[in-house]
C-alpha atoms as a PDB file:
ATOM      1  CA  MET A   1      85.878 140.635 137.828  1.00  0.00           C
ATOM      2  CA  THR A   2      88.503 139.124 135.192  1.00  0.00           C
ATOM      3  CA  ASP A   3      90.063 136.033 136.472  1.00  0.00           C
ATOM      4  CA  PHE A   4      93.486 136.399 134.937  1.00  0.00           C
ATOM      5  CA  ALA A   5      94.592 133.108 136.123  1.00  0.00           C
ATOM      6  CA  GLN A   6      91.951 131.253 134.104  1.00  0.00           C
ATOM      7  CA  MET A   7      92.482 133.387 131.276  1.00  0.00           C
ATOM      8  CA  GLY A   8      96.354 132.621 131.233  1.00  0.00           C
ATOM      9  CA  THR A   9      95.373 128.897 131.561  1.00  0.00           C
ATOM     10  CA  VAL A  10      93.018 129.331 128.407  1.00  0.00           C
ATOM     11  CA  LEU A  11      95.764 131.228 126.526  1.00  0.00           C
ATOM     12  CA  GLY A  12      98.240 128.452 127.379  1.00  0.00           C
ATOM     13  CA  ALA A  13      96.023 125.694 126.487  1.00  0.00           C
ATOM     14  CA  GLN A  14      95.252 127.393 122.961  1.00  0.00           C
ATOM     15  CA  ALA A  15      99.049 127.839 122.437  1.00  0.00           C
ATOM     16  CA  ALA A  16      99.367 124.275 123.281  1.00  0.00           C
ATOM     17  CA  ILE A  17      96.579 123.072 120.945  1.00  0.00           C
ATOM     18  CA  ALA A  18      97.930 125.363 118.133  1.00  0.00           C
ATOM     19  CA  GLN A  19     101.414 123.717 118.562  1.00  0.00           C
ATOM     20  CA  VAL A  20      99.957 120.144 118.548  1.00  0.00           C
ATOM     21  CA  VAL A  21      97.992 121.058 115.396  1.00  0.00           C
ATOM     22  CA  ALA A  22     101.099 122.496 113.807  1.00  0.00           C
ATOM     23  CA  ASP A  23     103.244 119.311 114.673  1.00  0.00           C
ATOM     24  CA  GLY A  24     100.492 117.301 113.171  1.00  0.00           C
ATOM     25  CA  GLU A  25     100.474 119.310 109.998  1.00  0.00           C
ATOM     26  CA  GLN A  26     104.180 119.059 109.859  1.00  0.00           C
ATOM     27  CA  THR A  27     104.119 115.278 110.422  1.00  0.00           C
ATOM     28  CA  ILE A  28     101.362 114.845 107.751  1.00  0.00           C
ATOM     29  CA  ALA A  29     103.493 117.006 105.317  1.00  0.00           C
ATOM     30  CA  GLN A  30     106.446 114.861 105.942  1.00  0.00           C
ATOM     31  CA  LYS A  31     104.471 111.603 105.478  1.00  0.00           C
ATOM     32  CA  ASN A  32     103.001 112.937 102.273  1.00  0.00           C
ATOM     33  CA  ALA A  33     106.524 113.702 101.013  1.00  0.00           C
ATOM     34  CA  THR A  34     107.656 110.296 101.920  1.00  0.00           C
ATOM     35  CA  ILE A  35     104.790 108.749 100.111  1.00  0.00           C
ATOM     36  CA  ALA A  36     105.447 110.886  97.090  1.00  0.00           C
ATOM     37  CA  ASP A  37     108.960 109.642  97.234  1.00  0.00           C
ATOM     38  CA  TYR A  38     107.871 106.035  97.276  1.00  0.00           C
ATOM     39  CA  LYS A  39     105.391 106.589  94.565  1.00  0.00           C
ATOM     40  CA  ALA A  40     108.211 108.001  92.319  1.00  0.00           C
ATOM     41  CA  ALA A  41     110.618 105.330  93.203  1.00  0.00           C
ATOM     42  CA  LEU A  42     107.997 102.730  92.441  1.00  0.00           C
ATOM     43  CA  LEU A  43     107.183 104.396  89.070  1.00  0.00           C
ATOM     44  CA  SER A  44     110.898 104.489  88.288  1.00  0.00           C
ATOM     45  CA  GLU A  45     111.325 100.733  89.011  1.00  0.00           C
ATOM     46  CA  GLN A  46     108.179  99.912  86.942  1.00  0.00           C
ATOM     47  CA  ILE A  47     109.628 101.670  83.945  1.00  0.00           C
ATOM     48  CA  HIS A  48     113.010 100.159  84.459  1.00  0.00           C
ATOM     49  CA  ALA A  49     111.179  96.832  84.572  1.00  0.00           C
ATOM     50  CA  GLY A  50     109.328  97.357  81.399  1.00  0.00           C
ATOM     51  CA  ALA A  51     112.460  98.670  79.544  1.00  0.00           C
ATOM     52  CA  LEU A  52     114.365  95.464  80.775  1.00  0.00           C
ATOM     53  CA  ASP A  53     111.574  93.255  79.582  1.00  0.00           C
ATOM     54  CA  HIS A  54     111.835  94.940  76.168  1.00  0.00           C
ATOM     55  CA  LEU A  55     115.660  94.455  76.211  1.00  0.00           C
ATOM     56  CA  VAL A  56     115.125  90.902  77.046  1.00  0.00           C
ATOM     57  CA  ASP A  57     112.573  90.392  74.195  1.00  0.00           C
ATOM     58  CA  VAL A  58     115.068  91.932  71.701  1.00  0.00           C
ATOM     59  CA  LEU A  59     117.921  89.939  72.916  1.00  0.00           C
ATOM     60  CA  MET A  60     115.710  86.764  72.903  1.00  0.00           C
ATOM     61  CA  ALA A  61     114.837  87.484  69.164  1.00  0.00           C
ATOM     62  CA  GLU A  62     118.393  88.277  68.230  1.00  0.00           C
ATOM     63  CA  LEU A  63     119.628  84.846  69.975  1.00  0.00           C
ATOM     64  CA  GLN A  64     116.866  83.049  68.170  1.00  0.00           C
ATOM     65  CA  ARG A  65     118.030  84.387  64.670  1.00  0.00           C
ATOM     66  CA  LEU A  66     121.562  83.721  65.527  1.00  0.00           C
ATOM     67  CA  ASP A  67     121.313  80.195  67.401  1.00  0.00           C
ATOM     68  CA  PRO A  68     117.831  78.701  67.175  1.00  0.00           C
ATOM     69  CA  ALA A  69     118.984  75.692  69.089  1.00  0.00           C
ATOM     70  CA  ASN A  70     120.484  77.704  71.944  1.00  0.00           C
ATOM     71  CA  ARG A  71     120.001  75.923  75.325  1.00  0.00           C
ATOM     72  CA  LEU A  72     118.313  79.094  76.892  1.00  0.00           C
ATOM     73  CA  LEU A  73     115.644  79.032  74.107  1.00  0.00           C
ATOM     74  CA  LYS A  74     114.750  75.341  74.969  1.00  0.00           C
ATOM     75  CA  PRO A  75     111.188  74.958  76.648  1.00  0.00           C
ATOM     76  CA  THR A  76     111.213  73.706  80.083  1.00  0.00           C
ATOM     77  CA  GLY A  77     107.823  71.992  79.626  1.00  0.00           C
ATOM     78  CA  LYS A  78     105.759  74.210  81.908  1.00  0.00           C
ATOM     79  CA  HIS A  79     103.634  77.148  80.767  1.00  0.00           C
ATOM     80  CA  PHE A  80     102.770  80.594  82.044  1.00  0.00           C
ATOM     81  CA  GLY A  81      99.179  81.405  82.995  1.00  0.00           C
ATOM     82  CA  ASP A  82      98.569  83.070  79.659  1.00  0.00           C
ATOM     83  CA  GLY A  83      99.670  79.985  77.924  1.00  0.00           C
ATOM     84  CA  ARG A  84     103.248  80.903  76.805  1.00  0.00           C
ATOM     85  CA  PRO A  85     105.818  78.186  77.188  1.00  0.00           C
ATOM     86  CA  GLN A  86     108.520  78.790  79.950  1.00  0.00           C
ATOM     87  CA  LYS A  87     111.950  78.748  78.266  1.00  0.00           C
ATOM     88  CA  GLN A  88     115.190  77.977  80.020  1.00  0.00           C
ATOM     89  CA  LEU A  89     116.022  81.530  80.315  1.00  0.00           C
ATOM     90  CA  SER A  90     112.896  82.247  82.291  1.00  0.00           C
ATOM     91  CA  ALA A  91     113.726  79.378  84.604  1.00  0.00           C
ATOM     92  CA  VAL A  92     117.177  80.923  85.191  1.00  0.00           C
ATOM     93  CA  TYR A  93     115.560  84.189  85.941  1.00  0.00           C
ATOM     94  CA  ALA A  94     113.084  82.511  88.322  1.00  0.00           C
ATOM     95  CA  ASP A  95     115.751  80.671  90.237  1.00  0.00           C
ATOM     96  CA  LYS A  96     117.882  83.938  90.737  1.00  0.00           C
ATOM     97  CA  PHE A  97     114.757  85.947  91.649  1.00  0.00           C
ATOM     98  CA  ASP A  98     113.779  83.509  94.375  1.00  0.00           C
ATOM     99  CA  ALA A  99     117.182  83.290  95.733  1.00  0.00           C
ATOM    100  CA  LEU A 100     117.720  86.882  95.856  1.00  0.00           C
ATOM    101  CA  GLY A 101     114.403  87.465  97.453  1.00  0.00           C
ATOM    102  CA  LYS A 102     115.107  84.854 100.027  1.00  0.00           C
ATOM    103  CA  ALA A 103     118.464  86.412 100.776  1.00  0.00           C
ATOM    104  CA  LYS A 104     116.424  89.645 101.397  1.00  0.00           C
ATOM    105  CA  GLY A 105     114.244  87.886 103.852  1.00  0.00           C
ATOM    106  CA  LEU A 106     111.026  87.052 101.897  1.00  0.00           C
ATOM    107  CA  LYS A 107     109.718  83.632 102.710  1.00  0.00           C
ATOM    108  CA  ARG A 108     107.897  83.127  99.400  1.00  0.00           C
ATOM    109  CA  PRO A 109     109.438  85.459  96.812  1.00  0.00           C
ATOM    110  CA  GLU A 110     107.960  83.224  93.903  1.00  0.00           C
ATOM    111  CA  THR A 111     104.527  84.808  94.660  1.00  0.00           C
ATOM    112  CA  LEU A 112     105.860  88.263  93.416  1.00  0.00           C
ATOM    113  CA  ARG A 113     106.664  86.939  89.825  1.00  0.00           C
ATOM    114  CA  ALA A 114     104.955  85.074  87.087  1.00  0.00           C
ATOM    115  CA  GLN A 115     104.931  81.449  87.791  1.00  0.00           C
ATOM    116  CA  ALA A 116     105.101  78.576  85.104  1.00  0.00           C
ATOM    117  CA  LYS A 117     103.439  75.417  85.911  1.00  0.00           C
END
């Protein structure tokens, strides 16, 4: 004899499982889309930072050509890990970077940038 009550329970359970799977797949798809958005934003910021680095290099070269004694070109007496001397312009950048990082709630923003010692 067929147990229609049990059959209904099984069909209900299958439907519930299918819904959980569908919800899980949708959640995974949403998270993957969010991760893709974050990756695209990070890539954009990396490209932007690279272009800004180049722009600073070009402007520094032009400043060196026009005014070799400019205060922003003077060394601070510190050096970066790769041996390059830190210039006053880099110190101005570091100070602002750290201040903005702290304003955004970072405890030690200096760990996120190149440091001169």
